[in-house]
Amino acid sequence: MDIGESFGYFARMSHKDKLFLNRYSIKDMMSIMDKVGMLRHLERKGFSAPLVELDLDDSMIFYFKLYDSDKTPENLLIDLRLSDTRFVPEKRFFEEKHVLSTLDMIVIEWLSIQNPRGKFQKDRPQLPGQSRPGLGCLGFLMDMMHTVAEGVIKDGFMDIPEHMHGAIMYSKNFMFFNPAHEGVMRAILRDLKKYPLYEISWGMITGTIIDKETGMPQVYDPSEQIFPVSRRLKEYYNSRKYRKKFKEIYKIKKYRFDYEEMNRRRAEIIQKKSIADL
């Protein structure tokens, strides 16, 4: 940021307009969406009048909401909530000469992408915790977030996905900070590659994805999953220690899917609970 940009930034701060991550105006966010192809994608989906709303609450959580035509709940397409934090990794993850004391992260507190006009299809059924179908624009949103993170000079984005399917959906751009967790997820995807995402998700919920070595269900352990932006964080993921531990777990872990039992347990669960509430 040069001097001119700095003066422009603080001048904008005196206005009542709220800025996303204290930097980006509504106009800026529309420009970023256009640049990464998000607006064209939404237009092809039938949403040609996007409206952005930005906010900041008392807990210092930044809100980015994208609506179609009107700023009403039934027209909400994207609800993204971010906060700033300093992530202090455990030293055990690093080689002695490459310890990172703290990382400046943007935390994904909440992310919802939904098609208010869509209906769940047989080949893309409702995922646990999902209330409406998606928009197929997660990739565009990741490109947006990368641009945003570079602009505010952060090491990356961090999330702790509640469900296994969330971690899998993020896995094109995000990696677990713990290499053992990354190894487990990739081994499951390798061994259960013939199954669709929603069945793998139900397998984890019902305890029917079985570790062949132990004979026990593989438990999903939510932990930090990170989209690296800075060079030092990318170097961590490319480090000898991270790659060695990942390969070790990926090679050792073998899984089988008790598919019939998954279907039986799933039927019992959805008789008692709404899928959206899982």
C-alpha atoms as a PDB file:
ATOM      1  CA  MET A   1       0.000   0.000   0.000  1.00  0.00           C
ATOM      2  CA  ASP A   2       1.556   3.306  -1.031  1.00  0.00           C
ATOM      3  CA  ILE A   3       1.001   6.703   0.636  1.00  0.00           C
ATOM      4  CA  GLY A   4      -1.827   7.654  -1.687  1.00  0.00           C
ATOM      5  CA  GLU A   5      -3.625   4.410  -1.002  1.00  0.00           C
ATOM      6  CA  SER A   6      -3.102   4.850   2.740  1.00  0.00           C
ATOM      7  CA  PHE A   7      -4.673   8.304   2.755  1.00  0.00           C
ATOM      8  CA  GLY A   8      -7.533   6.996   0.642  1.00  0.00           C
ATOM      9  CA  TYR A   9      -8.082   4.123   3.069  1.00  0.00           C
ATOM     10  CA  PHE A  10      -8.266   6.305   6.183  1.00  0.00           C
ATOM     11  CA  ALA A  11     -10.437   8.827   4.370  1.00  0.00           C
ATOM     12  CA  ARG A  12     -12.937   6.076   3.638  1.00  0.00           C
ATOM     13  CA  MET A  13     -12.844   4.940   7.262  1.00  0.00           C
ATOM     14  CA  SER A  14     -14.359   8.271   8.302  1.00  0.00           C
ATOM     15  CA  HIS A  15     -17.441   7.559   6.218  1.00  0.00           C
ATOM     16  CA  LYS A  16     -20.454   5.668   7.481  1.00  0.00           C
ATOM     17  CA  ASP A  17     -20.014   3.056   4.754  1.00  0.00           C
ATOM     18  CA  LYS A  18     -18.936  -0.227   6.284  1.00  0.00           C
ATOM     19  CA  LEU A  19     -15.893  -1.911   4.816  1.00  0.00           C
ATOM     20  CA  PHE A  20     -15.382  -5.654   4.606  1.00  0.00           C
ATOM     21  CA  LEU A  21     -12.279  -6.540   6.662  1.00  0.00           C
ATOM     22  CA  ASN A  22     -11.862  -2.769   7.148  1.00  0.00           C
ATOM     23  CA  ARG A  23     -10.792  -2.395   3.530  1.00  0.00           C
ATOM     24  CA  TYR A  24     -13.310  -3.400   0.867  1.00  0.00           C
ATOM     25  CA  SER A  25     -16.390  -1.395  -0.048  1.00  0.00           C
ATOM     26  CA  ILE A  26     -19.493  -2.801  -1.730  1.00  0.00           C
ATOM     27  CA  LYS A  27     -18.124  -1.522  -5.027  1.00  0.00           C
ATOM     28  CA  ASP A  28     -14.816  -3.289  -4.362  1.00  0.00           C
ATOM     29  CA  MET A  29     -16.547  -6.588  -3.607  1.00  0.00           C
ATOM     30  CA  MET A  30     -18.677  -6.349  -6.764  1.00  0.00           C
ATOM     31  CA  SER A  31     -15.507  -5.719  -8.755  1.00  0.00           C
ATOM     32  CA  ILE A  32     -13.782  -8.764  -7.227  1.00  0.00           C
ATOM     33  CA  MET A  33     -16.822 -10.952  -7.958  1.00  0.00           C
ATOM     34  CA  ASP A  34     -16.790  -9.773 -11.545  1.00  0.00           C
ATOM     35  CA  LYS A  35     -13.049 -10.380 -11.877  1.00  0.00           C
ATOM     36  CA  VAL A  36     -13.207 -14.016 -10.697  1.00  0.00           C
ATOM     37  CA  GLY A  37     -16.285 -14.849 -12.800  1.00  0.00           C
ATOM     38  CA  MET A  38     -18.786 -15.117  -9.939  1.00  0.00           C
ATOM     39  CA  LEU A  39     -21.266 -12.649 -11.460  1.00  0.00           C
ATOM     40  CA  ARG A  40     -21.315 -14.451 -14.813  1.00  0.00           C
ATOM     41  CA  HIS A  41     -21.854 -17.770 -13.063  1.00  0.00           C
ATOM     42  CA  LEU A  42     -24.777 -16.389 -11.050  1.00  0.00           C
ATOM     43  CA  GLU A  43     -26.313 -14.835 -14.155  1.00  0.00           C
ATOM     44  CA  ARG A  44     -26.240 -18.227 -15.878  1.00  0.00           C
ATOM     45  CA  LYS A  45     -28.091 -19.568 -12.834  1.00  0.00           C
ATOM     46  CA  GLY A  46     -30.775 -16.914 -13.299  1.00  0.00           C
ATOM     47  CA  PHE A  47     -29.576 -14.400 -10.707  1.00  0.00           C
ATOM     48  CA  SER A  48     -28.852 -11.233 -12.649  1.00  0.00           C
ATOM     49  CA  ALA A  49     -29.497  -8.545 -10.035  1.00  0.00           C
ATOM     50  CA  PRO A  50     -27.012  -9.213  -7.201  1.00  0.00           C
ATOM     51  CA  LEU A  51     -27.005  -6.938  -4.176  1.00  0.00           C
ATOM     52  CA  VAL A  52     -24.197  -6.846  -1.593  1.00  0.00           C
ATOM     53  CA  GLU A  53     -24.638  -6.041   2.080  1.00  0.00           C
ATOM     54  CA  LEU A  54     -21.664  -5.522   4.424  1.00  0.00           C
ATOM     55  CA  ASP A  55     -21.746  -5.353   8.198  1.00  0.00           C
ATOM     56  CA  LEU A  56     -19.612  -5.618  11.330  1.00  0.00           C
ATOM     57  CA  ASP A  57     -21.022  -6.789  14.661  1.00  0.00           C
ATOM     58  CA  ASP A  58     -19.925  -6.102  18.239  1.00  0.00           C
ATOM     59  CA  SER A  59     -17.815  -9.283  18.245  1.00  0.00           C
ATOM     60  CA  MET A  60     -15.766  -7.902  15.337  1.00  0.00           C
ATOM     61  CA  ILE A  61     -17.197 -10.417  12.882  1.00  0.00           C
ATOM     62  CA  PHE A  62     -17.387  -9.101   9.317  1.00  0.00           C
ATOM     63  CA  TYR A  63     -20.470  -9.988   7.289  1.00  0.00           C
ATOM     64  CA  PHE A  64     -20.661 -10.310   3.516  1.00  0.00           C
ATOM     65  CA  LYS A  65     -24.146 -11.108   2.254  1.00  0.00           C
ATOM     66  CA  LEU A  66     -25.160 -11.455  -1.362  1.00  0.00           C
ATOM     67  CA  TYR A  67     -28.821 -11.261  -2.332  1.00  0.00           C
ATOM     68  CA  ASP A  68     -30.761 -11.525  -5.555  1.00  0.00           C
ATOM     69  CA  SER A  69     -32.909  -8.453  -6.360  1.00  0.00           C
ATOM     70  CA  ASP A  70     -34.053  -7.709  -2.785  1.00  0.00           C
ATOM     71  CA  LYS A  71     -32.280  -7.816   0.566  1.00  0.00           C
ATOM     72  CA  THR A  72     -34.699 -10.278   2.098  1.00  0.00           C
ATOM     73  CA  PRO A  73     -33.966 -13.650   3.753  1.00  0.00           C
ATOM     74  CA  GLU A  74     -35.718 -15.581   1.003  1.00  0.00           C
ATOM     75  CA  ASN A  75     -33.402 -14.027  -1.602  1.00  0.00           C
ATOM     76  CA  LEU A  76     -30.141 -14.649   0.266  1.00  0.00           C
ATOM     77  CA  LEU A  77     -27.550 -16.409  -1.916  1.00  0.00           C
ATOM     78  CA  ILE A  78     -24.303 -16.168   0.074  1.00  0.00           C
ATOM     79  CA  ASP A  79     -23.786 -15.502   3.773  1.00  0.00           C
ATOM     80  CA  LEU A  80     -20.089 -15.232   4.637  1.00  0.00           C
ATOM     81  CA  ARG A  81     -18.839 -14.215   8.070  1.00  0.00           C
ATOM     82  CA  LEU A  82     -15.145 -13.663   8.781  1.00  0.00           C
ATOM     83  CA  SER A  83     -13.000 -12.569  11.685  1.00  0.00           C
ATOM     84  CA  ASP A  84      -9.308 -11.861  12.322  1.00  0.00           C
ATOM     85  CA  THR A  85      -7.276 -14.040  14.631  1.00  0.00           C
ATOM     86  CA  ARG A  86      -3.733 -15.040  15.462  1.00  0.00           C
ATOM     87  CA  PHE A  87      -3.199 -18.772  15.189  1.00  0.00           C
ATOM     88  CA  VAL A  88      -0.421 -20.166  17.382  1.00  0.00           C
ATOM     89  CA  PRO A  89       0.541 -23.614  16.045  1.00  0.00           C
ATOM     90  CA  GLU A  90       1.977 -26.356  18.239  1.00  0.00           C
ATOM     91  CA  LYS A  91       5.740 -26.678  17.890  1.00  0.00           C
ATOM     92  CA  ARG A  92       5.486 -30.432  17.307  1.00  0.00           C
ATOM     93  CA  PHE A  93       4.335 -29.821  13.748  1.00  0.00           C
ATOM     94  CA  PHE A  94       7.559 -28.107  12.716  1.00  0.00           C
ATOM     95  CA  GLU A  95      11.128 -28.946  12.032  1.00  0.00           C
ATOM     96  CA  GLU A  96      13.318 -27.242  14.606  1.00  0.00           C
ATOM     97  CA  LYS A  97      14.616 -24.539  12.280  1.00  0.00           C
ATOM     98  CA  HIS A  98      11.233 -23.667  10.773  1.00  0.00           C
ATOM     99  CA  VAL A  99       8.918 -22.926  13.712  1.00  0.00           C
ATOM    100  CA  LEU A 100       6.182 -20.371  13.043  1.00  0.00           C
ATOM    101  CA  SER A 101       5.366 -18.539  16.272  1.00  0.00           C
ATOM    102  CA  THR A 102       2.095 -16.969  15.115  1.00  0.00           C
ATOM    103  CA  LEU A 103       0.059 -16.803  11.938  1.00  0.00           C
ATOM    104  CA  ASP A 104      -2.259 -13.935  11.017  1.00  0.00           C
ATOM    105  CA  MET A 105      -5.406 -15.671   9.837  1.00  0.00           C
ATOM    106  CA  ILE A 106      -8.857 -14.847   8.588  1.00  0.00           C
ATOM    107  CA  VAL A 107     -11.305 -17.243  10.229  1.00  0.00           C
ATOM    108  CA  ILE A 108     -14.406 -18.430   8.398  1.00  0.00           C
ATOM    109  CA  GLU A 109     -16.978 -18.172  11.174  1.00  0.00           C
ATOM    110  CA  TRP A 110     -19.882 -19.099   8.921  1.00  0.00           C
ATOM    111  CA  LEU A 111     -20.435 -19.822   5.245  1.00  0.00           C
ATOM    112  CA  SER A 112     -23.732 -20.557   3.555  1.00  0.00           C
ATOM    113  CA  ILE A 113     -24.172 -20.776  -0.216  1.00  0.00           C
ATOM    114  CA  GLN A 114     -27.707 -21.560  -1.291  1.00  0.00           C
ATOM    115  CA  ASN A 115     -30.060 -21.465  -4.236  1.00  0.00           C
ATOM    116  CA  PRO A 116     -33.386 -20.121  -2.904  1.00  0.00           C
ATOM    117  CA  ARG A 117     -35.188 -21.336  -6.034  1.00  0.00           C
ATOM    118  CA  GLY A 118     -33.514 -24.722  -6.256  1.00  0.00           C
ATOM    119  CA  LYS A 119     -34.730 -28.161  -5.286  1.00  0.00           C
ATOM    120  CA  PHE A 120     -32.674 -31.135  -4.201  1.00  0.00           C
ATOM    121  CA  GLN A 121     -32.155 -33.667  -6.973  1.00  0.00           C
ATOM    122  CA  LYS A 122     -31.841 -37.443  -6.822  1.00  0.00           C
ATOM    123  CA  ASP A 123     -28.206 -37.313  -7.954  1.00  0.00           C
ATOM    124  CA  ARG A 124     -27.471 -34.410  -5.554  1.00  0.00           C
ATOM    125  CA  PRO A 125     -29.566 -35.001  -2.441  1.00  0.00           C
ATOM    126  CA  GLN A 126     -29.621 -32.969   0.721  1.00  0.00           C
ATOM    127  CA  LEU A 127     -26.411 -33.092   2.755  1.00  0.00           C
ATOM    128  CA  PRO A 128     -26.492 -33.257   6.565  1.00  0.00           C
ATOM    129  CA  GLY A 129     -26.881 -29.727   7.918  1.00  0.00           C
ATOM    130  CA  GLN A 130     -27.970 -28.381   4.531  1.00  0.00           C
ATOM    131  CA  SER A 131     -31.324 -26.604   4.220  1.00  0.00           C
ATOM    132  CA  ARG A 132     -31.235 -25.618   0.527  1.00  0.00           C
ATOM    133  CA  PRO A 133     -29.287 -26.715  -2.573  1.00  0.00           C
ATOM    134  CA  GLY A 134     -26.026 -24.982  -3.360  1.00  0.00           C
ATOM    135  CA  LEU A 135     -25.121 -22.734  -6.279  1.00  0.00           C
ATOM    136  CA  GLY A 136     -22.002 -24.499  -7.552  1.00  0.00           C
ATOM    137  CA  CYS A 137     -19.898 -21.412  -6.898  1.00  0.00           C
ATOM    138  CA  LEU A 138     -17.563 -22.459  -4.076  1.00  0.00           C
ATOM    139  CA  GLY A 139     -14.585 -22.285  -6.443  1.00  0.00           C
ATOM    140  CA  PHE A 140     -15.383 -18.688  -7.365  1.00  0.00           C
ATOM    141  CA  LEU A 141     -15.738 -17.819  -3.688  1.00  0.00           C
ATOM    142  CA  MET A 142     -12.315 -19.307  -2.957  1.00  0.00           C
ATOM    143  CA  ASP A 143     -10.809 -17.133  -5.699  1.00  0.00           C
ATOM    144  CA  MET A 144     -12.519 -14.136  -4.123  1.00  0.00           C
ATOM    145  CA  MET A 145     -11.154 -14.958  -0.685  1.00  0.00           C
ATOM    146  CA  HIS A 146      -7.632 -15.360  -2.025  1.00  0.00           C
ATOM    147  CA  THR A 147      -7.825 -11.875  -3.549  1.00  0.00           C
ATOM    148  CA  VAL A 148      -9.226 -10.458  -0.306  1.00  0.00           C
ATOM    149  CA  ALA A 149      -6.525 -12.106   1.848  1.00  0.00           C
ATOM    150  CA  GLU A 150      -3.726 -10.739  -0.337  1.00  0.00           C
ATOM    151  CA  GLY A 151      -5.216  -7.251  -0.047  1.00  0.00           C
ATOM    152  CA  VAL A 152      -5.261  -7.294   3.748  1.00  0.00           C
ATOM    153  CA  ILE A 153      -1.883  -9.107   4.013  1.00  0.00           C
ATOM    154  CA  LYS A 154      -2.862 -12.281   5.846  1.00  0.00           C
ATOM    155  CA  ASP A 155      -1.240 -15.697   5.969  1.00  0.00           C
ATOM    156  CA  GLY A 156      -4.427 -17.419   4.915  1.00  0.00           C
ATOM    157  CA  PHE A 157      -7.968 -18.497   5.710  1.00  0.00           C
ATOM    158  CA  MET A 158      -8.816 -20.930   8.472  1.00  0.00           C
ATOM    159  CA  ASP A 159     -11.918 -23.005   9.035  1.00  0.00           C
ATOM    160  CA  ILE A 160     -12.913 -25.899  11.291  1.00  0.00           C
ATOM    161  CA  PRO A 161     -15.530 -27.771   9.230  1.00  0.00           C
ATOM    162  CA  GLU A 162     -18.274 -29.272  11.358  1.00  0.00           C
ATOM    163  CA  HIS A 163     -18.969 -32.089   8.889  1.00  0.00           C
ATOM    164  CA  MET A 164     -16.682 -34.364   6.892  1.00  0.00           C
ATOM    165  CA  HIS A 165     -18.354 -33.325   3.637  1.00  0.00           C
ATOM    166  CA  GLY A 166     -17.475 -29.688   4.380  1.00  0.00           C
ATOM    167  CA  ALA A 167     -13.809 -30.604   4.724  1.00  0.00           C
ATOM    168  CA  ILE A 168     -13.970 -32.559   1.457  1.00  0.00           C
ATOM    169  CA  MET A 169     -15.633 -29.674  -0.371  1.00  0.00           C
ATOM    170  CA  TYR A 170     -12.941 -27.281   0.879  1.00  0.00           C
ATOM    171  CA  SER A 171     -10.114 -29.725   0.138  1.00  0.00           C
ATOM    172  CA  LYS A 172      -9.340 -28.364  -3.340  1.00  0.00           C
ATOM    173  CA  ASN A 173      -7.948 -25.209  -1.713  1.00  0.00           C
ATOM    174  CA  PHE A 174      -7.674 -26.049   1.997  1.00  0.00           C
ATOM    175  CA  MET A 175      -5.455 -28.549   3.813  1.00  0.00           C
ATOM    176  CA  PHE A 176      -5.604 -29.683   7.425  1.00  0.00           C
ATOM    177  CA  PHE A 177      -2.840 -28.098   9.444  1.00  0.00           C
ATOM    178  CA  ASN A 178      -2.337 -31.468  11.120  1.00  0.00           C
ATOM    179  CA  PRO A 179      -0.814 -33.724   8.416  1.00  0.00           C
ATOM    180  CA  ALA A 180      -2.277 -36.849  10.056  1.00  0.00           C
ATOM    181  CA  HIS A 181      -5.799 -35.466   9.600  1.00  0.00           C
ATOM    182  CA  GLU A 182      -5.023 -34.659   5.970  1.00  0.00           C
ATOM    183  CA  GLY A 183      -3.729 -38.198   5.476  1.00  0.00           C
ATOM    184  CA  VAL A 184      -6.893 -39.741   6.946  1.00  0.00           C
ATOM    185  CA  MET A 185      -9.212 -37.665   4.759  1.00  0.00           C
ATOM    186  CA  ARG A 186      -7.257 -38.394   1.570  1.00  0.00           C
ATOM    187  CA  ALA A 187      -7.123 -42.116   2.394  1.00  0.00           C
ATOM    188  CA  ILE A 188     -10.908 -42.191   2.859  1.00  0.00           C
ATOM    189  CA  LEU A 189     -11.389 -40.453  -0.499  1.00  0.00           C
ATOM    190  CA  ARG A 190      -9.017 -42.958  -2.120  1.00  0.00           C
ATOM    191  CA  ASP A 191     -10.686 -46.067  -0.694  1.00  0.00           C
ATOM    192  CA  LEU A 192     -14.273 -44.843  -1.051  1.00  0.00           C
ATOM    193  CA  LYS A 193     -13.849 -43.128  -4.416  1.00  0.00           C
ATOM    194  CA  LYS A 194     -16.814 -44.941  -5.980  1.00  0.00           C
ATOM    195  CA  TYR A 195     -19.214 -43.393  -3.468  1.00  0.00           C
ATOM    196  CA  PRO A 196     -20.699 -39.885  -3.847  1.00  0.00           C
ATOM    197  CA  LEU A 197     -20.055 -37.140  -1.333  1.00  0.00           C
ATOM    198  CA  TYR A 198     -23.395 -37.412   0.475  1.00  0.00           C
ATOM    199  CA  GLU A 199     -22.915 -41.142   1.133  1.00  0.00           C
ATOM    200  CA  ILE A 200     -19.425 -40.604   2.532  1.00  0.00           C
ATOM    201  CA  SER A 201     -20.869 -37.901   4.778  1.00  0.00           C
ATOM    202  CA  TRP A 202     -23.562 -40.258   6.033  1.00  0.00           C
ATOM    203  CA  GLY A 203     -20.936 -42.956   6.488  1.00  0.00           C
ATOM    204  CA  MET A 204     -19.038 -40.709   8.875  1.00  0.00           C
ATOM    205  CA  ILE A 205     -22.193 -39.692  10.779  1.00  0.00           C
ATOM    206  CA  THR A 206     -23.374 -43.296  11.158  1.00  0.00           C
ATOM    207  CA  GLY A 207     -19.962 -44.702  12.079  1.00  0.00           C
ATOM    208  CA  THR A 208     -19.867 -47.068   9.110  1.00  0.00           C
ATOM    209  CA  ILE A 209     -16.536 -46.033   7.568  1.00  0.00           C
ATOM    210  CA  ILE A 210     -14.323 -48.667   9.128  1.00  0.00           C
ATOM    211  CA  ASP A 211     -10.558 -48.614   9.691  1.00  0.00           C
ATOM    212  CA  LYS A 212      -9.491 -52.039   8.397  1.00  0.00           C
ATOM    213  CA  GLU A 213      -6.543 -52.288  10.778  1.00  0.00           C
ATOM    214  CA  THR A 214      -8.465 -51.613  13.993  1.00  0.00           C
ATOM    215  CA  GLY A 215     -11.935 -52.731  12.906  1.00  0.00           C
ATOM    216  CA  MET A 216     -13.268 -49.541  14.515  1.00  0.00           C
ATOM    217  CA  PRO A 217     -15.268 -46.707  12.920  1.00  0.00           C
ATOM    218  CA  GLN A 218     -13.167 -43.776  11.749  1.00  0.00           C
ATOM    219  CA  VAL A 219     -14.220 -40.748  13.759  1.00  0.00           C
ATOM    220  CA  TYR A 220     -14.197 -37.336  12.090  1.00  0.00           C
ATOM    221  CA  ASP A 221     -12.127 -35.034  14.291  1.00  0.00           C
ATOM    222  CA  PRO A 222     -12.791 -31.392  13.363  1.00  0.00           C
ATOM    223  CA  SER A 223      -9.585 -29.366  13.317  1.00  0.00           C
ATOM    224  CA  GLU A 224      -7.966 -26.410  11.585  1.00  0.00           C
ATOM    225  CA  GLN A 225      -8.186 -26.590   7.803  1.00  0.00           C
ATOM    226  CA  ILE A 226      -6.280 -23.800   6.082  1.00  0.00           C
ATOM    227  CA  PHE A 227      -6.174 -22.098   2.694  1.00  0.00           C
ATOM    228  CA  PRO A 228      -2.537 -20.882   2.593  1.00  0.00           C
ATOM    229  CA  VAL A 229      -1.836 -17.489   1.060  1.00  0.00           C
ATOM    230  CA  SER A 230       1.544 -16.364   2.423  1.00  0.00           C
ATOM    231  CA  ARG A 231       4.847 -17.853   1.368  1.00  0.00           C
ATOM    232  CA  ARG A 232       5.745 -18.961   4.889  1.00  0.00           C
ATOM    233  CA  LEU A 233       2.521 -20.945   5.240  1.00  0.00           C
ATOM    234  CA  LYS A 234       2.966 -22.557   1.830  1.00  0.00           C
ATOM    235  CA  GLU A 235       6.495 -23.510   2.874  1.00  0.00           C
ATOM    236  CA  TYR A 236       5.065 -25.277   5.932  1.00  0.00           C
ATOM    237  CA  TYR A 237       2.814 -27.460   3.767  1.00  0.00           C
ATOM    238  CA  ASN A 238       5.743 -28.207   1.463  1.00  0.00           C
ATOM    239  CA  SER A 239       8.097 -28.986   4.341  1.00  0.00           C
ATOM    240  CA  ARG A 240       9.769 -32.372   4.636  1.00  0.00           C
ATOM    241  CA  LYS A 241       8.169 -33.057   8.024  1.00  0.00           C
ATOM    242  CA  TYR A 242       4.613 -32.298   6.872  1.00  0.00           C
ATOM    243  CA  ARG A 243       4.923 -34.341   3.673  1.00  0.00           C
ATOM    244  CA  LYS A 244       6.570 -37.264   5.491  1.00  0.00           C
ATOM    245  CA  LYS A 245       3.821 -37.511   8.133  1.00  0.00           C
ATOM    246  CA  PHE A 246       1.071 -37.129   5.532  1.00  0.00           C
ATOM    247  CA  LYS A 247       2.503 -39.894   3.347  1.00  0.00           C
ATOM    248  CA  GLU A 248       2.953 -42.173   6.342  1.00  0.00           C
ATOM    249  CA  ILE A 249      -0.708 -41.899   7.387  1.00  0.00           C
ATOM    250  CA  TYR A 250      -2.012 -41.989   3.815  1.00  0.00           C
ATOM    251  CA  LYS A 251      -0.110 -45.209   3.137  1.00  0.00           C
ATOM    252  CA  ILE A 252      -0.993 -46.993   6.381  1.00  0.00           C
ATOM    253  CA  LYS A 253      -4.704 -46.175   6.568  1.00  0.00           C
ATOM    254  CA  LYS A 254      -7.105 -48.501   4.743  1.00  0.00           C
ATOM    255  CA  TYR A 255     -10.870 -48.206   4.874  1.00  0.00           C
ATOM    256  CA  ARG A 256     -13.988 -50.160   4.044  1.00  0.00           C
ATOM    257  CA  PHE A 257     -17.572 -48.906   3.894  1.00  0.00           C
ATOM    258  CA  ASP A 258     -20.361 -50.869   5.587  1.00  0.00           C
ATOM    259  CA  TYR A 259     -22.845 -49.540   3.081  1.00  0.00           C
ATOM    260  CA  GLU A 260     -25.883 -51.587   4.084  1.00  0.00           C
ATOM    261  CA  GLU A 261     -25.491 -50.662   7.733  1.00  0.00           C
ATOM    262  CA  MET A 262     -25.090 -46.994   6.761  1.00  0.00           C
ATOM    263  CA  ASN A 263     -28.451 -47.057   4.960  1.00  0.00           C
ATOM    264  CA  ARG A 264     -30.131 -48.749   7.920  1.00  0.00           C
ATOM    265  CA  ARG A 265     -28.764 -46.270  10.457  1.00  0.00           C
ATOM    266  CA  ARG A 266     -29.497 -43.295   8.194  1.00  0.00           C
ATOM    267  CA  ALA A 267     -33.150 -44.366   7.922  1.00  0.00           C
ATOM    268  CA  GLU A 268     -33.378 -44.482  11.715  1.00  0.00           C
ATOM    269  CA  ILE A 269     -31.817 -41.033  12.096  1.00  0.00           C
ATOM    270  CA  ILE A 270     -34.039 -39.233   9.579  1.00  0.00           C
ATOM    271  CA  GLN A 271     -37.137 -40.649  11.242  1.00  0.00           C
ATOM    272  CA  LYS A 272     -36.193 -38.702  14.368  1.00  0.00           C
ATOM    273  CA  LYS A 273     -34.340 -35.649  13.058  1.00  0.00           C
ATOM    274  CA  SER A 274     -34.455 -33.244  10.166  1.00  0.00           C
ATOM    275  CA  ILE A 275     -31.453 -33.600   7.845  1.00  0.00           C
ATOM    276  CA  ALA A 276     -30.974 -29.822   7.992  1.00  0.00           C
ATOM    277  CA  ASP A 277     -30.554 -30.017  11.785  1.00  0.00           C
ATOM    278  CA  LEU A 278     -27.771 -32.621  11.771  1.00  0.00           C
END
